[in-house]
Amino acid sequence: MTSLPIIAALLSYALMVVAYFLHRQRWFHVPVMLAIIVFDIAMPVYLYLHRNWWKRLIEEGDITSFLVWMHIGLLITMFVLDGVQILTAARIFKGDHTARPDHSLQGKALLAVRGLVVLTGAALANPE
């Protein structure tokens, strides 16, 4: 059961890399990136509903782990980058082509941060 979220996260990351490099094909790039943002929002909800977080974080004391806090910080960073990406994409769709360099740099940052989120999440996975 634990391997399913890890596999889904790895596959979604691979799809994100493909969509990143196919940015000129808007018919592919935009829906894939939006779907990945929805996936990123849904994954913590899924894990919250299907894992015993109270036992893991409080009773077993994992709340004091540096890896847990690093993962949370990376998640927050990823969500902020997702929001900024949406804002710059909206500017591009409105015809403001000066937003393209910002969108590109944010995309590179998002690739790096999301990769670290997947890695830290996999390291924190607990087989149940």
C-alpha atoms as a PDB file:
ATOM      1  CA  MET A   1       0.000   0.000   0.000  1.00  0.00           C
ATOM      2  CA  THR A   2       2.796   2.428   0.815  1.00  0.00           C
ATOM      3  CA  SER A   3       4.494   1.928  -2.521  1.00  0.00           C
ATOM      4  CA  LEU A   4       1.402   3.106  -4.432  1.00  0.00           C
ATOM      5  CA  PRO A   5       1.729   6.800  -3.419  1.00  0.00           C
ATOM      6  CA  ILE A   6       5.483   6.692  -4.076  1.00  0.00           C
ATOM      7  CA  ILE A   7       4.978   5.184  -7.534  1.00  0.00           C
ATOM      8  CA  ALA A   8       2.244   7.723  -8.308  1.00  0.00           C
ATOM      9  CA  ALA A   9       4.499  10.588  -7.202  1.00  0.00           C
ATOM     10  CA  LEU A  10       7.420   9.308  -9.296  1.00  0.00           C
ATOM     11  CA  LEU A  11       5.226   8.851 -12.374  1.00  0.00           C
ATOM     12  CA  SER A  12       3.706  12.304 -11.969  1.00  0.00           C
ATOM     13  CA  TYR A  13       7.198  13.772 -11.647  1.00  0.00           C
ATOM     14  CA  ALA A  14       8.295  12.016 -14.848  1.00  0.00           C
ATOM     15  CA  LEU A  15       5.211  13.381 -16.608  1.00  0.00           C
ATOM     16  CA  MET A  16       6.021  16.849 -15.277  1.00  0.00           C
ATOM     17  CA  VAL A  17       9.535  16.653 -16.743  1.00  0.00           C
ATOM     18  CA  VAL A  18       8.101  15.646 -20.127  1.00  0.00           C
ATOM     19  CA  ALA A  19       5.572  18.502 -20.034  1.00  0.00           C
ATOM     20  CA  TYR A  20       8.329  20.922 -19.021  1.00  0.00           C
ATOM     21  CA  PHE A  21      10.350  20.088 -22.106  1.00  0.00           C
ATOM     22  CA  LEU A  22       7.260  20.169 -24.352  1.00  0.00           C
ATOM     23  CA  HIS A  23       6.296  23.684 -23.259  1.00  0.00           C
ATOM     24  CA  ARG A  24       5.682  24.826 -26.832  1.00  0.00           C
ATOM     25  CA  GLN A  25       2.860  22.288 -27.204  1.00  0.00           C
ATOM     26  CA  ARG A  26       0.357  24.183 -25.064  1.00  0.00           C
ATOM     27  CA  TRP A  27      -2.359  21.598 -25.708  1.00  0.00           C
ATOM     28  CA  PHE A  28      -0.177  19.148 -23.735  1.00  0.00           C
ATOM     29  CA  HIS A  29       1.816  21.376 -21.376  1.00  0.00           C
ATOM     30  CA  VAL A  30      -1.016  23.332 -19.758  1.00  0.00           C
ATOM     31  CA  PRO A  31      -3.420  20.444 -18.924  1.00  0.00           C
ATOM     32  CA  VAL A  32      -0.590  18.233 -17.660  1.00  0.00           C
ATOM     33  CA  MET A  33       0.834  20.933 -15.396  1.00  0.00           C
ATOM     34  CA  LEU A  34      -2.631  21.765 -14.044  1.00  0.00           C
ATOM     35  CA  ALA A  35      -3.290  18.075 -13.401  1.00  0.00           C
ATOM     36  CA  ILE A  36       0.012  17.800 -11.533  1.00  0.00           C
ATOM     37  CA  ILE A  37      -0.904  20.792  -9.366  1.00  0.00           C
ATOM     38  CA  VAL A  38      -4.223  19.099  -8.536  1.00  0.00           C
ATOM     39  CA  PHE A  39      -2.298  15.891  -7.774  1.00  0.00           C
ATOM     40  CA  ASP A  40       0.054  17.832  -5.482  1.00  0.00           C
ATOM     41  CA  ILE A  41      -2.920  19.199  -3.564  1.00  0.00           C
ATOM     42  CA  ALA A  42      -4.716  15.843  -3.428  1.00  0.00           C
ATOM     43  CA  MET A  43      -1.742  13.771  -2.227  1.00  0.00           C
ATOM     44  CA  PRO A  44      -1.524  15.278   1.300  1.00  0.00           C
ATOM     45  CA  VAL A  45      -5.300  14.911   1.633  1.00  0.00           C
ATOM     46  CA  TYR A  46      -5.092  11.255   0.575  1.00  0.00           C
ATOM     47  CA  LEU A  47      -2.236  10.558   2.980  1.00  0.00           C
ATOM     48  CA  TYR A  48      -4.015  12.348   5.839  1.00  0.00           C
ATOM     49  CA  LEU A  49      -7.134  10.247   5.288  1.00  0.00           C
ATOM     50  CA  HIS A  50      -5.319   6.922   4.888  1.00  0.00           C
ATOM     51  CA  ARG A  51      -2.462   7.081   7.410  1.00  0.00           C
ATOM     52  CA  ASN A  52      -2.348   7.202  11.204  1.00  0.00           C
ATOM     53  CA  TRP A  53      -0.488  10.497  11.516  1.00  0.00           C
ATOM     54  CA  TRP A  54      -1.196  10.986  15.203  1.00  0.00           C
ATOM     55  CA  LYS A  55       0.544   7.709  16.059  1.00  0.00           C
ATOM     56  CA  ARG A  56       3.469   8.362  13.724  1.00  0.00           C
ATOM     57  CA  LEU A  57       4.129  12.008  14.546  1.00  0.00           C
ATOM     58  CA  ILE A  58       3.104  12.316  18.180  1.00  0.00           C
ATOM     59  CA  GLU A  59       3.246   8.885  19.794  1.00  0.00           C
ATOM     60  CA  GLU A  60       6.390   7.734  17.978  1.00  0.00           C
ATOM     61  CA  GLY A  61       7.963  11.201  18.194  1.00  0.00           C
ATOM     62  CA  ASP A  62       8.657  11.759  14.493  1.00  0.00           C
ATOM     63  CA  ILE A  63       7.461  15.349  14.835  1.00  0.00           C
ATOM     64  CA  THR A  64      10.941  16.266  16.075  1.00  0.00           C
ATOM     65  CA  SER A  65      12.647  14.733  13.029  1.00  0.00           C
ATOM     66  CA  PHE A  66      14.563  17.129  10.795  1.00  0.00           C
ATOM     67  CA  LEU A  67      13.414  15.190   7.713  1.00  0.00           C
ATOM     68  CA  VAL A  68       9.753  15.752   8.600  1.00  0.00           C
ATOM     69  CA  TRP A  69      10.277  19.502   8.953  1.00  0.00           C
ATOM     70  CA  MET A  70      12.355  19.658   5.790  1.00  0.00           C
ATOM     71  CA  HIS A  71       9.555  17.863   3.917  1.00  0.00           C
ATOM     72  CA  ILE A  72       6.957  20.295   5.285  1.00  0.00           C
ATOM     73  CA  GLY A  73       9.108  23.280   4.305  1.00  0.00           C
ATOM     74  CA  LEU A  74       9.585  21.892   0.816  1.00  0.00           C
ATOM     75  CA  LEU A  75       5.830  21.298   0.511  1.00  0.00           C
ATOM     76  CA  ILE A  76       5.109  24.907   1.427  1.00  0.00           C
ATOM     77  CA  THR A  77       7.721  26.084  -1.067  1.00  0.00           C
ATOM     78  CA  MET A  78       6.211  23.866  -3.766  1.00  0.00           C
ATOM     79  CA  PHE A  79       2.704  25.191  -3.155  1.00  0.00           C
ATOM     80  CA  VAL A  80       3.923  28.805  -3.291  1.00  0.00           C
ATOM     81  CA  LEU A  81       5.763  28.101  -6.552  1.00  0.00           C
ATOM     82  CA  ASP A  82       2.627  26.442  -7.955  1.00  0.00           C
ATOM     83  CA  GLY A  83       0.624  29.563  -7.162  1.00  0.00           C
ATOM     84  CA  VAL A  84       3.197  31.893  -8.689  1.00  0.00           C
ATOM     85  CA  GLN A  85       3.394  29.673 -11.773  1.00  0.00           C
ATOM     86  CA  ILE A  86      -0.360  29.975 -12.239  1.00  0.00           C
ATOM     87  CA  LEU A  87      -0.158  33.763 -11.934  1.00  0.00           C
ATOM     88  CA  THR A  88       2.640  34.090 -14.484  1.00  0.00           C
ATOM     89  CA  ALA A  89       0.883  31.653 -16.835  1.00  0.00           C
ATOM     90  CA  ALA A  90      -2.239  33.830 -16.644  1.00  0.00           C
ATOM     91  CA  ARG A  91      -0.123  36.852 -17.576  1.00  0.00           C
ATOM     92  CA  ILE A  92       1.292  34.959 -20.559  1.00  0.00           C
ATOM     93  CA  PHE A  93      -2.194  33.942 -21.716  1.00  0.00           C
ATOM     94  CA  LYS A  94      -3.245  37.611 -21.525  1.00  0.00           C
ATOM     95  CA  GLY A  95      -0.445  38.464 -23.930  1.00  0.00           C
ATOM     96  CA  ASP A  96       2.226  39.717 -21.519  1.00  0.00           C
ATOM     97  CA  HIS A  97       5.283  38.030 -22.980  1.00  0.00           C
ATOM     98  CA  THR A  98       7.576  39.698 -20.456  1.00  0.00           C
ATOM     99  CA  ALA A  99       6.386  37.044 -17.971  1.00  0.00           C
ATOM    100  CA  ARG A 100       7.969  34.194 -19.967  1.00  0.00           C
ATOM    101  CA  PRO A 101      11.459  34.388 -18.404  1.00  0.00           C
ATOM    102  CA  ASP A 102       9.940  34.458 -14.902  1.00  0.00           C
ATOM    103  CA  HIS A 103       7.705  31.511 -15.740  1.00  0.00           C
ATOM    104  CA  SER A 104      10.679  29.557 -17.076  1.00  0.00           C
ATOM    105  CA  LEU A 105      12.835  30.181 -14.006  1.00  0.00           C
ATOM    106  CA  GLN A 106       9.955  29.315 -11.687  1.00  0.00           C
ATOM    107  CA  GLY A 107       9.437  26.100 -13.660  1.00  0.00           C
ATOM    108  CA  LYS A 108      13.063  25.101 -13.137  1.00  0.00           C
ATOM    109  CA  ALA A 109      12.781  25.860  -9.430  1.00  0.00           C
ATOM    110  CA  LEU A 110       9.554  23.882  -9.245  1.00  0.00           C
ATOM    111  CA  LEU A 111      11.208  20.875 -10.900  1.00  0.00           C
ATOM    112  CA  ALA A 112      13.984  20.934  -8.304  1.00  0.00           C
ATOM    113  CA  VAL A 113      11.714  21.500  -5.307  1.00  0.00           C
ATOM    114  CA  ARG A 114       9.135  18.922  -6.406  1.00  0.00           C
ATOM    115  CA  GLY A 115      11.900  16.375  -6.934  1.00  0.00           C
ATOM    116  CA  LEU A 116      13.071  16.975  -3.363  1.00  0.00           C
ATOM    117  CA  VAL A 117       9.494  16.686  -2.087  1.00  0.00           C
ATOM    118  CA  VAL A 118       9.161  13.290  -3.774  1.00  0.00           C
ATOM    119  CA  LEU A 119      12.536  12.138  -2.392  1.00  0.00           C
ATOM    120  CA  THR A 120      11.857  13.269   1.171  1.00  0.00           C
ATOM    121  CA  GLY A 121       8.338  11.819   1.004  1.00  0.00           C
ATOM    122  CA  ALA A 122       9.728   8.472  -0.135  1.00  0.00           C
ATOM    123  CA  ALA A 123      12.300   8.577   2.680  1.00  0.00           C
ATOM    124  CA  LEU A 124       9.531   9.216   5.196  1.00  0.00           C
ATOM    125  CA  ALA A 125       7.275   6.453   3.885  1.00  0.00           C
ATOM    126  CA  ASN A 126       6.387   3.962   6.566  1.00  0.00           C
ATOM    127  CA  PRO A 127       5.218   0.501   5.469  1.00  0.00           C
ATOM    128  CA  GLU A 128       2.002  -0.393   7.242  1.00  0.00           C
END
